[in-house]
Structure formats: structure tokens, C-alpha cells
Amino acid sequence: MTDPFDPKILQNRSIYPVIVQENVRYRDTDGQKHVNNAVYATYFEIGRGAARRHATRHKSASPESSTSVVAQQ
């Protein structure tokens, strides 16, 4: 059986219906250039909004088909 959390599988971008690339802004970081923890919620909301728009366009906006993944690269 294949492990669904196998990093090799998760790094395959073709398995994700929506991919959002967001630039880290200067205001998102502190003096040591670390991203502020509160900003991750903003990144999540940007991705969630893109996923909902994608689902609406493709008529798959039902709760059963809605999942969210938070990942880092």
C-alpha cells in the first residue's frame, strides 16, 4: 500500500487541482527576515479563496469535495 504522505508523492504538483504562488512581502517578515506567524493565516486565506474560485468554476463546490492542504516548500 502506498503511503499518502510520502514526500515523493506530495512533491508531485500534478496531484493538486490548484497551486497558488504568493510572494513574501517585506512587511510579512521581522528584522531577521523570518515570516511572522500571523501571516501564515493570510497565505492560507489566499489559497483557500483561489481553491473556492476554482471549485465554483468547475462546479465542484460541494463540501464533500472541498479539502485544504497547507504545505511548505
C-alpha atoms as a PDB file:
ATOM      1  CA  MET A   1       0.000   0.000   0.000  1.00  0.00           C
ATOM      2  CA  THR A   2       1.249   3.471  -0.883  1.00  0.00           C
ATOM      3  CA  ASP A   3       1.792   5.969   1.923  1.00  0.00           C
ATOM      4  CA  PRO A   4      -0.346   9.045   1.090  1.00  0.00           C
ATOM      5  CA  PHE A   5       2.132  11.244   2.971  1.00  0.00           C
ATOM      6  CA  ASP A   6       5.175  10.005   1.068  1.00  0.00           C
ATOM      7  CA  PRO A   7       7.201  13.168   0.254  1.00  0.00           C
ATOM      8  CA  LYS A   8       7.855  11.956  -3.296  1.00  0.00           C
ATOM      9  CA  ILE A   9       4.122  11.763  -3.948  1.00  0.00           C
ATOM     10  CA  LEU A  10       3.362  15.074  -2.234  1.00  0.00           C
ATOM     11  CA  GLN A  11       6.010  16.912  -4.265  1.00  0.00           C
ATOM     12  CA  ASN A  12       4.276  15.920  -7.498  1.00  0.00           C
ATOM     13  CA  ARG A  13       2.447  19.135  -8.400  1.00  0.00           C
ATOM     14  CA  SER A  14       0.131  17.372 -10.863  1.00  0.00           C
ATOM     15  CA  ILE A  15      -1.902  15.881  -7.976  1.00  0.00           C
ATOM     16  CA  TYR A  16      -3.074  19.321  -6.804  1.00  0.00           C
ATOM     17  CA  PRO A  17      -6.017  20.932  -8.636  1.00  0.00           C
ATOM     18  CA  VAL A  18      -4.969  24.456  -7.553  1.00  0.00           C
ATOM     19  CA  ILE A  19      -1.495  25.858  -6.942  1.00  0.00           C
ATOM     20  CA  VAL A  20      -1.051  29.421  -5.740  1.00  0.00           C
ATOM     21  CA  GLN A  21       2.330  31.108  -5.628  1.00  0.00           C
ATOM     22  CA  GLU A  22       2.498  34.040  -3.265  1.00  0.00           C
ATOM     23  CA  ASN A  23       5.454  36.356  -2.808  1.00  0.00           C
ATOM     24  CA  VAL A  24       6.685  37.053   0.697  1.00  0.00           C
ATOM     25  CA  ARG A  25       6.350  40.772   1.242  1.00  0.00           C
ATOM     26  CA  TYR A  26       8.783  42.847   3.252  1.00  0.00           C
ATOM     27  CA  ARG A  27       6.032  43.652   5.759  1.00  0.00           C
ATOM     28  CA  ASP A  28       5.453  39.885   6.306  1.00  0.00           C
ATOM     29  CA  THR A  29       8.871  39.481   7.897  1.00  0.00           C
ATOM     30  CA  ASP A  30      10.641  40.615  11.035  1.00  0.00           C
ATOM     31  CA  GLY A  31      14.131  42.094  11.347  1.00  0.00           C
ATOM     32  CA  GLN A  32      15.739  38.685  10.879  1.00  0.00           C
ATOM     33  CA  LYS A  33      13.709  38.031   7.714  1.00  0.00           C
ATOM     34  CA  HIS A  34      11.530  35.379   9.369  1.00  0.00           C
ATOM     35  CA  VAL A  35       7.906  35.274   8.276  1.00  0.00           C
ATOM     36  CA  ASN A  36       5.610  36.372  11.101  1.00  0.00           C
ATOM     37  CA  ASN A  37       3.401  33.513  12.338  1.00  0.00           C
ATOM     38  CA  ALA A  38       0.226  35.552  11.864  1.00  0.00           C
ATOM     39  CA  VAL A  39       0.962  35.951   8.153  1.00  0.00           C
ATOM     40  CA  TYR A  40       0.507  32.226   7.504  1.00  0.00           C
ATOM     41  CA  ALA A  41      -3.225  32.716   8.068  1.00  0.00           C
ATOM     42  CA  THR A  42      -3.190  35.315   5.281  1.00  0.00           C
ATOM     43  CA  TYR A  43      -1.382  32.909   2.948  1.00  0.00           C
ATOM     44  CA  PHE A  44      -3.903  30.208   3.812  1.00  0.00           C
ATOM     45  CA  GLU A  45      -6.818  32.542   3.053  1.00  0.00           C
ATOM     46  CA  ILE A  46      -5.303  33.486  -0.316  1.00  0.00           C
ATOM     47  CA  GLY A  47      -5.000  29.811  -1.219  1.00  0.00           C
ATOM     48  CA  ARG A  48      -8.451  28.944   0.127  1.00  0.00           C
ATOM     49  CA  GLY A  49     -10.017  31.717  -1.927  1.00  0.00           C
ATOM     50  CA  ALA A  50      -8.278  30.507  -5.081  1.00  0.00           C
ATOM     51  CA  ALA A  51      -9.424  26.945  -4.400  1.00  0.00           C
ATOM     52  CA  ARG A  52     -13.033  28.052  -3.870  1.00  0.00           C
ATOM     53  CA  ARG A  53     -12.978  30.078  -7.108  1.00  0.00           C
ATOM     54  CA  HIS A  54     -11.589  27.043  -8.932  1.00  0.00           C
ATOM     55  CA  ALA A  55     -14.265  24.779  -7.422  1.00  0.00           C
ATOM     56  CA  THR A  56     -17.030  27.207  -8.353  1.00  0.00           C
ATOM     57  CA  ARG A  57     -15.817  27.482 -11.949  1.00  0.00           C
ATOM     58  CA  HIS A  58     -15.628  23.697 -12.230  1.00  0.00           C
ATOM     59  CA  LYS A  59     -18.965  23.057 -10.482  1.00  0.00           C
ATOM     60  CA  SER A  60     -17.297  21.092  -7.679  1.00  0.00           C
ATOM     61  CA  ALA A  61     -18.108  23.442  -4.822  1.00  0.00           C
ATOM     62  CA  SER A  62     -19.835  20.855  -2.644  1.00  0.00           C
ATOM     63  CA  PRO A  63     -18.490  20.420   0.918  1.00  0.00           C
ATOM     64  CA  GLU A  64     -17.714  16.754   0.207  1.00  0.00           C
ATOM     65  CA  SER A  65     -15.251  17.737  -2.499  1.00  0.00           C
ATOM     66  CA  SER A  66     -13.654  20.595  -0.550  1.00  0.00           C
ATOM     67  CA  THR A  67     -10.331  19.931   1.147  1.00  0.00           C
ATOM     68  CA  SER A  68      -7.459  22.188   2.100  1.00  0.00           C
ATOM     69  CA  VAL A  69      -3.759  21.485   2.332  1.00  0.00           C
ATOM     70  CA  VAL A  70      -1.234  23.739   3.996  1.00  0.00           C
ATOM     71  CA  ALA A  71       2.295  22.989   2.825  1.00  0.00           C
ATOM     72  CA  GLN A  72       5.732  24.487   2.721  1.00  0.00           C
ATOM     73  CA  GLN A  73       8.342  24.247   0.026  1.00  0.00           C
END
